[in-house]
Amino acid sequence: HPPPAPPYRIEIYARGRELDNIGLLVDFVELKAAADEVVQYLDHRNINELDPFVELQPSAENLAKYILEGVGWKVGEERVQIYKVRCFETPTSVATYQVE
């Protein structure tokens, strides 16, 4: 058996034009919960057997896009946009997926 793949490190970027009534753009507890939910689907599983990666190459770029779309949908506040995800395969190998 090959050794297990090392864990990826993920960075999630949010932006917006206004803060909420207590001065936050996004509650990090909410953002982390959304990210954990998306990542948990992938964690310790054969990604090649999971939708959408049965049909789609599970590259770091595609993983970054999948995470951006999943977290963006879960955070889902009108004034907050999840606009960039960086997926690190190693400390020096990173793929970035970003929307305008």
Protein backbone atom coordinates (compact mmCIF):
# COMPACT_ATOMS: atom_id res chain seq x y z
CA HIS A 1 0.00 0.00 0.00
CA PRO A 2 1.27 3.50 -0.80
CA PRO A 3 1.64 5.85 2.17
CA PRO A 4 -1.37 8.08 2.80
CA ALA A 5 -1.32 11.46 1.13
CA PRO A 6 -0.24 14.27 3.42
CA PRO A 7 -3.05 16.55 4.55
CA TYR A 8 -3.75 19.64 2.52
CA ARG A 9 -3.72 23.05 4.13
CA ILE A 10 -6.52 25.35 3.04
CA GLU A 11 -6.77 29.15 3.20
CA ILE A 12 -10.17 30.77 2.65
CA TYR A 13 -10.52 34.46 1.79
CA ALA A 14 -13.67 36.53 2.32
CA ARG A 15 -14.43 40.09 1.29
CA GLY A 16 -17.25 42.57 1.52
CA ARG A 17 -18.07 46.25 1.47
CA GLU A 18 -19.71 46.55 4.87
CA LEU A 19 -19.40 45.13 8.36
CA ASP A 20 -22.29 43.86 10.43
CA ASN A 21 -23.74 45.68 13.44
CA ILE A 22 -20.91 44.49 15.73
CA GLY A 23 -18.12 45.26 13.28
CA LEU A 24 -17.50 41.86 11.69
CA LEU A 25 -17.35 40.97 8.03
CA VAL A 26 -17.83 37.28 8.78
CA ASP A 27 -17.96 35.36 12.04
CA PHE A 28 -14.91 33.08 12.00
CA VAL A 29 -16.81 30.46 14.01
CA GLU A 30 -19.44 30.36 11.24
CA LEU A 31 -16.78 30.35 8.52
CA LYS A 32 -14.84 27.53 10.20
CA ALA A 33 -18.03 25.49 10.68
CA ALA A 34 -18.86 25.88 6.98
CA ALA A 35 -15.31 24.96 5.94
CA ASP A 36 -15.24 21.97 8.31
CA GLU A 37 -18.52 20.70 6.86
CA VAL A 38 -17.23 20.92 3.28
CA VAL A 39 -13.83 19.42 4.11
CA GLN A 40 -15.30 16.64 6.27
CA TYR A 41 -16.97 15.20 3.15
CA LEU A 42 -13.49 14.74 1.64
CA ASP A 43 -11.49 13.88 4.77
CA HIS A 44 -9.95 10.40 5.02
CA ARG A 45 -11.83 9.19 1.95
CA ASN A 46 -10.84 8.22 -1.56
CA ILE A 47 -11.63 11.50 -3.30
CA ASN A 48 -11.73 9.74 -6.69
CA GLU A 49 -14.87 7.92 -5.50
CA LEU A 50 -16.72 11.06 -4.38
CA ASP A 51 -18.88 13.38 -6.45
CA PRO A 52 -17.89 15.50 -8.31
CA PHE A 53 -14.44 13.90 -8.48
CA VAL A 54 -15.66 10.65 -10.03
CA GLU A 55 -15.81 12.70 -13.25
CA LEU A 56 -13.38 15.48 -12.31
CA GLN A 57 -9.64 15.23 -11.66
CA PRO A 58 -9.08 15.81 -7.90
CA SER A 59 -6.28 18.29 -8.51
CA ALA A 60 -5.46 20.93 -5.92
CA GLU A 61 -7.03 23.47 -8.29
CA ASN A 62 -10.30 21.54 -8.52
CA LEU A 63 -10.30 20.98 -4.75
CA ALA A 64 -9.83 24.72 -4.20
CA LYS A 65 -12.76 25.47 -6.55
CA TYR A 66 -14.94 22.84 -4.84
CA ILE A 67 -14.18 24.27 -1.40
CA LEU A 68 -14.75 27.87 -2.53
CA GLU A 69 -18.15 27.00 -3.99
CA GLY A 70 -19.18 24.86 -1.01
CA VAL A 71 -18.12 27.31 1.68
CA GLY A 72 -19.49 30.25 -0.31
CA TRP A 73 -22.87 28.57 -0.54
CA LYS A 74 -22.91 27.76 3.19
CA VAL A 75 -21.79 31.20 4.38
CA GLY A 76 -24.26 32.68 1.93
CA GLU A 77 -24.63 36.21 3.26
CA GLU A 78 -25.34 38.89 0.71
CA ARG A 79 -22.69 41.27 2.05
CA VAL A 80 -19.96 38.58 2.27
CA GLN A 81 -18.24 36.90 -0.66
CA ILE A 82 -15.90 33.94 -0.35
CA TYR A 83 -13.72 34.90 -3.29
CA LYS A 84 -10.48 32.92 -3.03
CA VAL A 85 -9.28 29.56 -1.75
CA ARG A 86 -5.66 28.45 -1.66
CA CYS A 87 -4.99 24.72 -1.42
CA PHE A 88 -1.47 23.78 -0.29
CA GLU A 89 -0.25 20.30 -1.23
CA THR A 90 3.06 21.08 0.49
CA PRO A 91 4.36 24.28 2.13
CA THR A 92 5.66 25.43 -1.26
CA SER A 93 3.13 23.88 -3.70
CA VAL A 94 -0.11 25.81 -3.75
CA ALA A 95 -3.05 26.12 -6.11
CA THR A 96 -5.32 29.14 -5.94
CA TYR A 97 -8.89 29.41 -7.22
CA GLN A 98 -10.36 32.90 -7.23
CA VAL A 99 -13.53 34.55 -8.51
CA GLU A 100 -13.97 38.22 -9.33
